Amino acid sequence: MMSQLDELKKYTTVVADTGDIESIKKFAPQDATTNPSLVLKAAQLPQYQPLIADAIGKARRRRQRRNAID
């Protein structure tokens, strides 16, 4: 038996209106939002803190390399 979501996927485009990566993985929509407020809200979730810390670290290292070149 198909779920309601699977039935809908047969007839329409499914879009995730969330910044929650786990939800996007779970429901496998055809597209996802880029709404900054939803992405910010998801970025504040504890499970994404390692990703945020990694992104900040990469940005800092990149800035240091650029400053060293100048």
Protein backbone atom coordinates (compact mmCIF):
# COMPACT_ATOMS: atom_id res chain seq x y z
CA MET A 1 0.00 0.00 0.00
CA MET A 2 1.36 3.41 -0.99
CA SER A 3 1.52 6.30 1.46
CA GLN A 4 -0.35 9.50 0.72
CA LEU A 5 2.96 11.16 -0.08
CA ASP A 6 3.85 8.45 -2.58
CA GLU A 7 0.43 8.83 -4.20
CA LEU A 8 0.92 12.59 -4.48
CA LYS A 9 4.37 12.11 -6.01
CA LYS A 10 2.74 10.26 -8.90
CA TYR A 11 0.68 13.31 -9.90
CA THR A 12 2.50 16.42 -8.71
CA THR A 13 5.87 17.93 -7.88
CA VAL A 14 6.79 17.54 -4.23
CA VAL A 15 8.72 20.44 -2.72
CA ALA A 16 10.15 20.63 0.79
CA ASP A 17 9.46 23.94 2.50
CA THR A 18 12.11 23.41 5.16
CA GLY A 19 15.78 23.89 5.78
CA ASP A 20 15.97 20.66 7.78
CA ILE A 21 18.37 18.42 5.87
CA GLU A 22 17.14 15.28 7.63
CA SER A 23 13.56 15.95 6.52
CA ILE A 24 14.73 16.53 2.98
CA LYS A 25 16.60 13.22 3.05
CA LYS A 26 13.61 11.41 4.56
CA PHE A 27 10.96 12.63 2.12
CA ALA A 28 13.16 12.97 -0.99
CA PRO A 29 11.33 15.93 -2.54
CA GLN A 30 12.06 17.05 -6.09
CA ASP A 31 13.04 20.50 -4.85
CA ALA A 32 13.59 22.39 -1.61
CA THR A 33 13.22 25.94 -0.43
CA THR A 34 16.01 28.46 -0.20
CA ASN A 35 14.03 30.66 2.19
CA PRO A 36 16.75 32.22 4.38
CA SER A 37 14.62 32.25 7.53
CA LEU A 38 13.98 28.50 7.26
CA VAL A 39 17.63 27.77 6.54
CA LEU A 40 18.64 29.91 9.55
CA LYS A 41 16.17 28.08 11.78
CA ALA A 42 17.54 24.71 10.65
CA ALA A 43 21.13 25.91 11.11
CA GLN A 44 20.34 26.57 14.77
CA LEU A 45 19.33 22.94 15.40
CA PRO A 46 21.87 21.03 17.52
CA GLN A 47 22.40 18.28 14.95
CA TYR A 48 23.72 20.83 12.43
CA GLN A 49 26.20 22.57 14.73
CA PRO A 50 29.14 20.48 13.43
CA LEU A 51 28.29 21.56 9.86
CA ILE A 52 28.09 25.21 10.92
CA ALA A 53 31.38 25.00 12.83
CA ASP A 54 33.05 23.37 9.81
CA ALA A 55 31.76 26.08 7.46
CA ILE A 56 32.97 28.84 9.80
CA GLY A 57 36.39 27.20 10.07
CA LYS A 58 36.71 26.93 6.29
CA ALA A 59 35.68 30.57 5.85
CA ARG A 60 38.25 31.71 8.41
CA ARG A 61 41.04 29.69 6.77
CA ARG A 62 40.09 31.07 3.38
CA ARG A 63 40.15 34.63 4.74
CA GLN A 64 43.58 34.02 6.30
CA ARG A 65 44.95 32.76 2.97
CA ARG A 66 43.56 35.80 1.15
CA ASN A 67 45.01 38.16 3.75
CA ALA A 68 48.41 36.46 3.46
CA ILE A 69 48.40 37.05 -0.31
CA ASP A 70 47.58 40.77 0.01
